[in-house]
Amino acid sequence: MKIGLSLSRCMRDILEERVDIHDVLVIIARTDIDPHDAEHWAQIWQSYLYGGLSHAEWAGLEDREIAMRDILVSLFESGKLHQPRQFGAHPRRLPYHWLDALPPNTEIDKNPAMKKAWDNFNMIAGLS
């Protein structure tokens, strides 16, 4: 399970299949957007594609707009997109953009309590 800390960089990793969207626990974004709002989407797309107020994180992905929007909508609708700016906070950009929410499987297998907690989590996650 992964926690993302950059909407643009995490979405690119998902698009390019470096990270499976099903492995994402949450992405804590520095955005304040509604992905269903066409105007908001157009601003995000242009900003991340060409720069402007942010970095050109999606440079070279000009032909992947629909796939990127689908990823954003999926994250939003599954409750995996947290936007602190909607609550008055302004998180800062960090040099890394993924955190592992759990230690590697080899570590889980060595600790019976951790293994049981992980198995219970997976059971509940599968039910929801």
C-alpha atoms as a PDB file:
ATOM      1  CA  MET A   1       0.000   0.000   0.000  1.00  0.00           C
ATOM      2  CA  LYS A   2       1.287   3.417  -0.951  1.00  0.00           C
ATOM      3  CA  ILE A   3       0.625   6.965   0.169  1.00  0.00           C
ATOM      4  CA  GLY A   4       1.170   9.537  -2.559  1.00  0.00           C
ATOM      5  CA  LEU A   5       2.321  13.073  -1.865  1.00  0.00           C
ATOM      6  CA  SER A   6       2.034  14.628  -5.334  1.00  0.00           C
ATOM      7  CA  LEU A   7      -1.015  14.334  -7.551  1.00  0.00           C
ATOM      8  CA  SER A   8       0.855  15.010 -10.785  1.00  0.00           C
ATOM      9  CA  ARG A   9       3.827  12.724 -10.147  1.00  0.00           C
ATOM     10  CA  CYS A  10       1.716   9.921  -8.672  1.00  0.00           C
ATOM     11  CA  MET A  11      -0.767  10.016 -11.541  1.00  0.00           C
ATOM     12  CA  ARG A  12       2.112   9.765 -14.016  1.00  0.00           C
ATOM     13  CA  ASP A  13       3.466   6.729 -12.152  1.00  0.00           C
ATOM     14  CA  ILE A  14       0.017   5.103 -12.300  1.00  0.00           C
ATOM     15  CA  LEU A  15      -0.380   5.901 -16.009  1.00  0.00           C
ATOM     16  CA  GLU A  16       3.074   4.503 -16.797  1.00  0.00           C
ATOM     17  CA  GLU A  17       2.306   1.408 -14.653  1.00  0.00           C
ATOM     18  CA  ARG A  18       5.124   1.958 -12.177  1.00  0.00           C
ATOM     19  CA  VAL A  19       2.449   1.892  -9.453  1.00  0.00           C
ATOM     20  CA  ASP A  20      -0.827  -0.037  -9.573  1.00  0.00           C
ATOM     21  CA  ILE A  21      -3.794   2.195  -8.744  1.00  0.00           C
ATOM     22  CA  HIS A  22      -5.112  -0.604  -6.506  1.00  0.00           C
ATOM     23  CA  ASP A  23      -1.962  -0.302  -4.359  1.00  0.00           C
ATOM     24  CA  VAL A  24      -2.723   3.350  -3.596  1.00  0.00           C
ATOM     25  CA  LEU A  25      -4.105   3.944  -0.108  1.00  0.00           C
ATOM     26  CA  VAL A  26      -4.424   7.721  -0.571  1.00  0.00           C
ATOM     27  CA  ILE A  27      -2.835  10.596  -2.462  1.00  0.00           C
ATOM     28  CA  ILE A  28      -2.429  13.762  -0.436  1.00  0.00           C
ATOM     29  CA  ALA A  29      -2.475  16.419  -3.133  1.00  0.00           C
ATOM     30  CA  ARG A  30      -1.596  20.098  -3.041  1.00  0.00           C
ATOM     31  CA  THR A  31      -4.571  20.755  -5.326  1.00  0.00           C
ATOM     32  CA  ASP A  32      -8.095  22.024  -4.762  1.00  0.00           C
ATOM     33  CA  ILE A  33     -10.009  20.663  -7.711  1.00  0.00           C
ATOM     34  CA  ASP A  34     -13.156  18.803  -8.607  1.00  0.00           C
ATOM     35  CA  PRO A  35     -12.242  16.366 -11.398  1.00  0.00           C
ATOM     36  CA  HIS A  36     -15.825  16.446 -12.670  1.00  0.00           C
ATOM     37  CA  ASP A  37     -15.523  20.187 -13.373  1.00  0.00           C
ATOM     38  CA  ALA A  38     -14.303  20.590 -16.970  1.00  0.00           C
ATOM     39  CA  GLU A  39     -12.785  24.008 -16.242  1.00  0.00           C
ATOM     40  CA  HIS A  40     -10.801  22.702 -13.271  1.00  0.00           C
ATOM     41  CA  TRP A  41      -9.595  19.738 -15.323  1.00  0.00           C
ATOM     42  CA  ALA A  42      -8.510  22.019 -18.201  1.00  0.00           C
ATOM     43  CA  GLN A  43      -6.474  24.163 -15.784  1.00  0.00           C
ATOM     44  CA  ILE A  44      -4.784  21.139 -14.200  1.00  0.00           C
ATOM     45  CA  TRP A  45      -4.112  19.501 -17.574  1.00  0.00           C
ATOM     46  CA  GLN A  46      -2.519  22.622 -19.064  1.00  0.00           C
ATOM     47  CA  SER A  47      -0.541  23.426 -15.926  1.00  0.00           C
ATOM     48  CA  TYR A  48       0.963  19.956 -15.531  1.00  0.00           C
ATOM     49  CA  LEU A  49       1.448  19.483 -19.264  1.00  0.00           C
ATOM     50  CA  TYR A  50       3.179  22.765 -20.077  1.00  0.00           C
ATOM     51  CA  GLY A  51       4.227  24.250 -16.757  1.00  0.00           C
ATOM     52  CA  GLY A  52       2.868  27.614 -15.766  1.00  0.00           C
ATOM     53  CA  LEU A  53       2.102  27.728 -12.047  1.00  0.00           C
ATOM     54  CA  SER A  54       3.521  24.244 -11.542  1.00  0.00           C
ATOM     55  CA  HIS A  55       6.165  22.054 -13.116  1.00  0.00           C
ATOM     56  CA  ALA A  56       5.546  20.438 -16.498  1.00  0.00           C
ATOM     57  CA  GLU A  57       5.135  17.048 -14.801  1.00  0.00           C
ATOM     58  CA  TRP A  58       3.155  15.590 -17.711  1.00  0.00           C
ATOM     59  CA  ALA A  59       5.399  16.766 -20.534  1.00  0.00           C
ATOM     60  CA  GLY A  60       5.328  14.219 -23.333  1.00  0.00           C
ATOM     61  CA  LEU A  61       1.871  12.925 -22.412  1.00  0.00           C
ATOM     62  CA  GLU A  62      -0.106  15.183 -24.755  1.00  0.00           C
ATOM     63  CA  ASP A  63      -1.957  12.220 -26.270  1.00  0.00           C
ATOM     64  CA  ARG A  64      -2.900  10.694 -22.887  1.00  0.00           C
ATOM     65  CA  GLU A  65      -5.368  13.302 -21.589  1.00  0.00           C
ATOM     66  CA  ILE A  66      -8.358  10.954 -21.398  1.00  0.00           C
ATOM     67  CA  ALA A  67      -6.378   8.285 -19.549  1.00  0.00           C
ATOM     68  CA  MET A  68      -5.048  10.863 -17.072  1.00  0.00           C
ATOM     69  CA  ARG A  69      -8.509  12.261 -16.401  1.00  0.00           C
ATOM     70  CA  ASP A  70      -9.825   8.719 -15.901  1.00  0.00           C
ATOM     71  CA  ILE A  71      -7.124   8.133 -13.263  1.00  0.00           C
ATOM     72  CA  LEU A  72      -8.021  11.375 -11.487  1.00  0.00           C
ATOM     73  CA  VAL A  73     -11.748  10.596 -11.483  1.00  0.00           C
ATOM     74  CA  SER A  74     -11.071   7.061 -10.249  1.00  0.00           C
ATOM     75  CA  LEU A  75      -8.928   8.330  -7.365  1.00  0.00           C
ATOM     76  CA  PHE A  76     -11.523  10.969  -6.496  1.00  0.00           C
ATOM     77  CA  GLU A  77     -14.542   8.668  -6.630  1.00  0.00           C
ATOM     78  CA  SER A  78     -12.838   5.928  -4.617  1.00  0.00           C
ATOM     79  CA  GLY A  79     -12.005   8.397  -1.823  1.00  0.00           C
ATOM     80  CA  LYS A  80      -8.276   8.094  -2.465  1.00  0.00           C
ATOM     81  CA  LEU A  81      -7.712  11.787  -3.167  1.00  0.00           C
ATOM     82  CA  HIS A  82      -7.255  14.026  -0.131  1.00  0.00           C
ATOM     83  CA  GLN A  83      -6.845  17.740  -0.812  1.00  0.00           C
ATOM     84  CA  PRO A  84      -5.815  19.622   2.357  1.00  0.00           C
ATOM     85  CA  ARG A  85      -6.261  22.982   0.588  1.00  0.00           C
ATOM     86  CA  GLN A  86     -10.004  22.362   0.739  1.00  0.00           C
ATOM     87  CA  PHE A  87      -9.619  22.669   4.510  1.00  0.00           C
ATOM     88  CA  GLY A  88      -7.275  25.678   4.610  1.00  0.00           C
ATOM     89  CA  ALA A  89      -3.957  23.821   4.766  1.00  0.00           C
ATOM     90  CA  HIS A  90      -1.146  24.384   2.285  1.00  0.00           C
ATOM     91  CA  PRO A  91       1.206  21.393   2.201  1.00  0.00           C
ATOM     92  CA  ARG A  92       4.614  21.932   0.682  1.00  0.00           C
ATOM     93  CA  ARG A  93       6.205  20.033  -2.171  1.00  0.00           C
ATOM     94  CA  LEU A  94       8.593  17.298  -1.096  1.00  0.00           C
ATOM     95  CA  PRO A  95      11.488  15.785  -3.071  1.00  0.00           C
ATOM     96  CA  TYR A  96       9.817  12.333  -2.950  1.00  0.00           C
ATOM     97  CA  HIS A  97       6.253  11.482  -3.824  1.00  0.00           C
ATOM     98  CA  TRP A  98       5.518   7.972  -2.506  1.00  0.00           C
ATOM     99  CA  LEU A  99       5.592   6.523   0.985  1.00  0.00           C
ATOM    100  CA  ASP A 100       5.094   2.845   1.688  1.00  0.00           C
ATOM    101  CA  ALA A 101       2.288   2.425   4.206  1.00  0.00           C
ATOM    102  CA  LEU A 102       3.568  -1.013   5.169  1.00  0.00           C
ATOM    103  CA  PRO A 103       6.951  -2.630   5.442  1.00  0.00           C
ATOM    104  CA  PRO A 104       7.963  -5.099   2.724  1.00  0.00           C
ATOM    105  CA  ASN A 105       6.212  -8.496   2.827  1.00  0.00           C
ATOM    106  CA  THR A 106       9.357 -10.155   4.129  1.00  0.00           C
ATOM    107  CA  GLU A 107       9.134  -8.012   7.278  1.00  0.00           C
ATOM    108  CA  ILE A 108       5.409  -8.718   7.694  1.00  0.00           C
ATOM    109  CA  ASP A 109       6.012 -12.458   7.540  1.00  0.00           C
ATOM    110  CA  LYS A 110       8.584 -12.236  10.353  1.00  0.00           C
ATOM    111  CA  ASN A 111       6.158 -10.603  12.794  1.00  0.00           C
ATOM    112  CA  PRO A 112       3.023 -12.648  13.664  1.00  0.00           C
ATOM    113  CA  ALA A 113       1.083  -9.643  15.013  1.00  0.00           C
ATOM    114  CA  MET A 114       1.868  -7.596  11.904  1.00  0.00           C
ATOM    115  CA  LYS A 115       0.924 -10.531   9.667  1.00  0.00           C
ATOM    116  CA  LYS A 116      -2.435 -10.942  11.428  1.00  0.00           C
ATOM    117  CA  ALA A 117      -3.166  -7.206  11.190  1.00  0.00           C
ATOM    118  CA  TRP A 118      -2.240  -7.218   7.499  1.00  0.00           C
ATOM    119  CA  ASP A 119      -4.425 -10.257   6.797  1.00  0.00           C
ATOM    120  CA  ASN A 120      -7.352  -8.603   8.612  1.00  0.00           C
ATOM    121  CA  PHE A 121      -6.838  -5.394   6.665  1.00  0.00           C
ATOM    122  CA  ASN A 122      -6.861  -7.289   3.363  1.00  0.00           C
ATOM    123  CA  MET A 123     -10.043  -9.117   4.328  1.00  0.00           C
ATOM    124  CA  ILE A 124     -11.822  -5.838   5.189  1.00  0.00           C
ATOM    125  CA  ALA A 125     -10.438  -4.091   2.098  1.00  0.00           C
ATOM    126  CA  GLY A 126     -11.758  -6.919  -0.038  1.00  0.00           C
ATOM    127  CA  LEU A 127     -15.220  -6.506   1.433  1.00  0.00           C
ATOM    128  CA  SER A 128     -15.412  -2.769   0.788  1.00  0.00           C
END
